Protein backbone atom coordinates (compact mmCIF):
# COMPACT_ATOMS: atom_id res chain seq x y z
CA MET A 1 87.61 102.18 112.35
CA LYS A 2 84.31 104.00 112.00
CA ASN A 3 82.21 101.22 110.49
CA GLY A 4 81.77 97.48 110.80
CA ILE A 5 81.90 95.11 113.74
CA LYS A 6 84.82 95.68 116.12
CA TYR A 7 86.80 92.71 117.30
CA ALA A 8 89.08 93.54 120.24
CA ILE A 9 91.96 91.37 121.30
CA CYS A 10 94.79 91.92 123.73
CA LEU A 11 98.21 91.02 122.33
CA VAL A 12 101.45 92.49 123.56
CA PHE A 13 104.79 91.82 121.87
CA LEU A 14 107.76 94.10 122.48
CA LEU A 15 109.84 94.73 119.38
CA SER A 16 113.37 96.06 119.39
CA VAL A 17 114.17 99.22 117.48
CA ALA A 18 116.60 97.40 115.22
CA ASP A 19 114.02 94.82 114.18
CA ALA A 20 111.05 97.15 113.79
CA SER A 21 109.69 98.00 110.36
CA ALA A 22 106.68 100.15 109.66
CA TRP A 23 103.29 98.53 109.11
CA VAL A 24 102.87 94.80 109.47
CA LYS A 25 102.18 92.84 106.28
CA THR A 26 98.49 93.73 106.51
CA GLY A 27 99.28 97.45 106.40
CA HIS A 28 101.43 97.16 103.30
CA GLU A 29 98.76 95.04 101.62
CA VAL A 30 96.05 97.62 102.41
CA ILE A 31 98.21 100.39 100.92
CA SER A 32 98.91 98.24 97.86
CA ILE A 33 95.24 97.41 97.27
CA LEU A 34 94.19 101.05 97.38
CA ALA A 35 97.20 102.30 95.39
CA THR A 36 96.62 99.77 92.60
CA GLU A 37 93.08 101.08 92.15
CA GLN A 38 94.51 104.55 91.51
CA LEU A 39 97.12 103.58 88.93
CA THR A 40 96.60 104.46 85.30
CA PRO A 41 96.32 101.42 82.99
CA LYS A 42 99.70 102.31 81.48
CA THR A 43 101.37 102.49 84.88
CA LYS A 44 99.78 99.27 86.07
CA ARG A 45 101.03 97.39 83.00
CA ALA A 46 104.55 98.81 83.34
CA VAL A 47 104.78 98.10 87.06
CA GLU A 48 103.52 94.53 86.77
CA LYS A 49 105.83 93.84 83.83
CA ILE A 50 108.87 94.92 85.85
CA LEU A 51 107.81 93.06 88.99
CA GLY A 52 106.52 89.97 87.24
CA GLY A 53 103.50 90.30 89.51
CA ASP A 54 101.37 92.83 91.32
CA ILE A 55 102.30 95.50 93.86
CA ARG A 56 100.72 93.66 96.75
CA SER A 57 102.89 90.55 96.42
CA ASN A 58 106.02 92.72 96.31
CA SER A 59 105.17 95.18 99.08
CA VAL A 60 107.13 93.61 101.97
CA TRP A 61 110.26 92.65 100.03
CA LEU A 62 112.35 95.27 101.83
CA ASN A 63 111.35 93.85 105.21
CA GLU A 64 112.62 90.44 104.18
CA LEU A 65 115.99 91.95 103.26
CA LYS A 66 116.42 93.07 106.85
CA LYS A 67 117.41 89.59 107.92
CA PRO A 68 121.12 89.52 108.90
CA GLU A 69 122.01 87.01 106.21
CA ALA A 70 120.54 89.29 103.52
CA SER A 71 121.08 93.08 103.42
CA ALA A 72 121.30 94.32 106.99
CA HIS A 73 122.29 97.82 105.81
CA THR A 74 118.72 98.44 104.63
CA ARG A 75 117.31 98.10 108.16
CA PHE A 76 117.77 101.82 108.76
CA TRP A 77 115.93 102.90 105.60
CA HIS A 78 112.48 102.51 107.17
CA ASN A 79 112.76 105.67 109.29
CA THR A 80 113.18 109.36 108.59
CA LYS A 81 114.31 112.22 110.80
CA ILE A 82 112.69 115.63 111.14
CA GLY A 83 114.81 118.59 112.27
CA LYS A 84 114.04 120.97 115.12
CA ASP A 85 112.67 123.41 112.55
CA GLY A 86 110.16 120.85 111.29
CA ARG A 87 112.03 120.40 108.02
CA SER A 88 113.32 117.28 106.33
CA SER A 89 116.81 118.26 105.22
CA THR A 90 118.73 115.05 105.90
CA ARG A 91 121.12 113.64 103.30
CA SER A 92 122.09 110.57 105.32
CA ASP A 93 122.30 107.29 103.40
CA LYS A 94 120.56 105.63 106.36
CA ASP A 95 117.47 107.83 106.13
CA GLY A 96 114.34 106.53 104.43
CA ILE A 97 113.54 109.73 102.54
CA VAL A 98 117.01 109.77 100.97
CA GLN A 99 116.65 106.17 99.83
CA LEU A 100 113.14 106.83 98.52
CA GLU A 101 114.35 109.75 96.43
CA ARG A 102 117.33 107.81 95.10
CA ASN A 103 115.26 104.83 94.06
CA ILE A 104 112.68 107.07 92.39
CA GLU A 105 115.54 108.48 90.30
CA VAL A 106 116.69 104.98 89.37
CA LEU A 107 113.19 104.28 88.07
CA ARG A 108 113.06 107.56 86.16
CA HIS A 109 116.26 106.55 84.38
CA ARG A 110 115.51 102.84 84.30
CA ASN A 111 116.87 102.39 80.77
CA GLU A 112 120.34 103.20 82.16
CA HIS A 113 120.27 100.46 84.79
CA SER A 114 120.17 96.68 84.94
CA ASP A 115 116.86 94.89 85.13
CA SER A 116 117.67 93.57 88.61
CA LEU A 117 118.41 97.06 89.93
CA VAL A 118 115.18 98.42 88.46
CA VAL A 119 113.18 95.64 90.11
CA ALA A 120 114.85 96.31 93.46
CA ALA A 121 114.27 100.06 93.11
CA LEU A 122 110.57 99.58 92.37
CA ARG A 123 110.10 97.24 95.31
CA THR A 124 111.93 99.71 97.55
CA VAL A 125 109.78 102.64 96.44
CA ILE A 126 106.59 100.64 97.00
CA HIS A 127 107.70 99.78 100.52
CA LEU A 128 109.17 103.10 101.63
CA VAL A 129 106.23 105.27 100.57
CA GLY A 130 104.21 103.15 102.98
CA ASP A 131 106.81 103.12 105.75
CA LEU A 132 107.32 106.87 105.78
CA HIS A 133 103.61 107.34 106.45
CA CYS A 134 103.75 105.40 109.70
CA VAL A 135 103.78 107.61 112.81
CA ALA A 136 106.24 105.33 114.61
CA HIS A 137 108.87 105.81 111.90
CA ILE A 138 109.06 109.57 112.14
CA ARG A 139 112.05 110.56 114.27
CA PHE A 140 112.64 114.00 115.80
CA GLU A 141 116.07 115.48 116.43
CA ASP A 142 114.87 117.17 119.60
CA ILE A 143 112.93 114.17 121.00
CA PRO A 144 115.54 111.52 121.87
CA TYR A 145 113.00 108.81 122.69
CA SER A 146 111.19 109.16 119.35
CA ASP A 147 113.12 106.19 117.96
CA ASN A 148 110.80 103.91 119.98
CA PHE A 149 109.97 103.67 123.66
CA ILE A 150 107.99 101.64 126.16
CA PHE A 151 104.79 103.01 127.68
CA TYR A 152 101.62 101.57 129.20
CA ARG A 153 98.17 101.51 127.62
CA SER A 154 95.18 101.73 129.94
CA ASN A 155 92.45 99.13 129.59
CA GLY A 156 89.86 101.76 130.45
CA LYS A 157 89.49 100.63 134.04
CA SER A 158 92.70 101.92 135.60
CA MET A 159 95.58 104.28 134.97
CA LYS A 160 97.91 102.37 137.30
CA LYS A 161 100.87 100.82 135.50
CA GLU A 162 100.47 97.47 137.18
CA MET A 163 96.93 97.25 135.75
CA CYS A 164 97.87 98.35 132.23
CA SER A 165 99.37 96.72 129.17
CA LYS A 166 103.03 97.35 128.39
CA MET A 167 103.53 98.46 124.79
CA THR A 168 106.04 100.12 122.48
CA TRP A 169 105.42 103.19 120.35
CA TYR A 170 106.26 101.15 117.28
CA LYS A 171 103.87 98.34 118.20
CA LEU A 172 100.97 100.76 118.73
CA TRP A 173 101.20 102.31 115.26
CA SER A 174 102.44 99.45 113.13
CA LYS A 175 100.42 96.57 114.50
CA TRP A 176 97.97 97.19 117.36
CA TYR A 177 95.29 98.92 115.29
CA PHE A 178 95.23 95.89 113.00
CA ASP A 179 95.24 93.46 115.93
CA ILE A 180 92.13 94.93 117.53
CA HIS A 181 90.24 94.09 114.33
CA ALA A 182 91.63 90.59 113.96
CA ALA A 183 88.71 89.42 111.83
CA PHE A 184 89.35 92.06 109.15
CA SER A 185 91.11 91.00 105.95
CA PRO A 186 93.28 93.52 104.05
CA GLU A 187 90.37 93.94 101.63
CA MET A 188 88.05 94.83 104.51
CA PHE A 189 90.50 97.38 105.88
CA ALA A 190 90.83 98.87 102.39
CA GLU A 191 87.05 99.13 102.05
CA GLU A 192 86.85 100.85 105.43
CA ILE A 193 89.41 103.43 104.34
CA ARG A 194 87.60 104.00 101.04
CA MET A 195 84.38 104.77 102.90
CA CYS A 196 86.03 107.04 105.45
CA GLN A 197 88.79 108.75 103.48
CA SER A 198 88.08 108.68 99.73
CA ASP A 199 86.64 112.19 99.75
CA LYS A 200 90.09 113.42 100.88
CA PHE A 201 92.12 111.50 98.30
CA GLY A 202 92.37 114.55 96.02
CA GLU A 203 93.91 116.61 98.84
CA TYR A 204 96.47 113.93 99.59
CA MET A 205 97.86 113.94 96.04
CA HIS A 206 99.73 117.23 96.31
CA GLY A 207 103.35 117.66 97.35
CA THR A 208 106.62 115.73 97.13
CA PRO A 209 108.14 112.95 99.24
CA ARG A 210 110.00 115.58 101.31
CA THR A 211 106.90 117.64 102.00
CA TRP A 212 104.98 114.46 102.77
CA VAL A 213 107.38 113.44 105.55
CA GLU A 214 107.34 117.00 106.89
CA GLU A 215 103.57 116.75 107.00
CA MET A 216 103.93 113.44 108.82
CA GLY A 217 106.19 115.25 111.28
CA ARG A 218 103.47 117.78 112.00
CA GLU A 219 100.96 114.93 112.38
CA SER A 220 103.21 112.88 114.64
CA ARG A 221 104.78 115.47 116.95
CA PRO A 222 101.70 116.23 119.11
CA LEU A 223 101.06 112.50 119.49
CA ILE A 224 104.53 111.62 120.73
CA GLU A 225 104.55 114.67 122.98
CA TYR A 226 101.27 113.51 124.52
CA ILE A 227 102.75 110.33 126.01
CA LYS A 228 106.26 110.05 127.44
CA PRO A 229 108.28 106.87 128.15
CA GLU A 230 106.95 104.82 131.06
CA GLU A 231 103.75 106.90 131.25
CA VAL A 232 100.21 105.57 130.87
CA LEU A 233 98.14 106.33 127.76
CA ASP A 234 94.43 106.58 128.50
CA ASN A 235 92.14 104.14 126.75
CA ALA A 236 90.01 106.75 124.98
CA THR A 237 93.01 108.45 123.39
CA SER A 238 94.49 105.21 122.06
CA TYR A 239 91.20 104.44 120.29
CA ASN A 240 90.72 108.02 119.07
CA TRP A 241 94.15 107.88 117.45
CA GLU A 242 92.86 105.13 115.17
CA LEU A 243 91.55 107.92 112.93
CA VAL A 244 95.15 109.07 112.48
CA HIS A 245 96.15 105.50 111.65
CA GLU A 246 93.49 105.30 108.93
CA ARG A 247 94.42 108.70 107.54
CA CYS A 248 98.09 107.74 107.27
CA LEU A 249 97.24 104.53 105.40
CA ALA A 250 95.03 106.51 103.03
CA LYS A 251 97.74 109.09 102.36
CA ALA A 252 100.32 106.37 101.73
CA SER A 253 98.12 104.65 99.17
CA VAL A 254 97.30 107.85 97.29
CA ARG A 255 100.92 108.99 97.26
CA LEU A 256 102.27 105.63 96.14
CA ALA A 257 99.95 105.87 93.15
CA VAL A 258 101.02 109.49 92.54
CA VAL A 259 104.70 108.53 92.53
CA LEU A 260 104.24 105.55 90.23
CA ASN A 261 101.91 107.33 87.81
CA ASP A 262 104.44 110.15 87.51
CA ILE A 263 107.38 107.79 86.90
CA PHE A 264 105.60 105.71 84.27
CA LYS A 265 103.50 108.41 82.61
């Protein structure tokens, strides 16, 4: 974050790959707040009529379905894979970009589907646009450990493992940047992003879901190549990467609005 008072806390939870989902609830709420502001009145009415509520209250629905007693098959939808050539060409049913595209098509042809399917498709689109803009959910065919790995984050005083905090790649990008500003509400995070990123919103509007994840691949590759499993990430770099975190949240919010405004135009 560039502005406001910083509240730093140290909290380390290791999450398994199978249970990880991009952005904690706060992240999805921040994306929803900013996206809602960018919806046309027509789109906003249509979306809220289908959902029976607002985007924010429906933004983590897909995470809840990941519980074993619900729809465990959706647990793989939160990630997407980038090929060695930097392209997103996957057609796997388990890939997030494939599911995003399919659910967008359901919404485009919503009159041909049941109300329950349309609601599920809209909730899925809301969630996956956010997820696919999280660095930790971009996988690379040629980087085996990109599906999540353990490393150590320096506290600024030492680069020795025994003096550093153990962390996962997923935890860093989905949760840690929110944790270090524990006093911030989703509204405060959204305001921070408005101040720092709103002048770039117009640039973020261009492209398609496929080109967006390819762009995320170009954003993410140098980061994951910077720190390998079991290595130590220096303190300055981990804080400098917060700018990437903010930028990804901003892009997700703009692009969620773009997708919805196009579907319900």
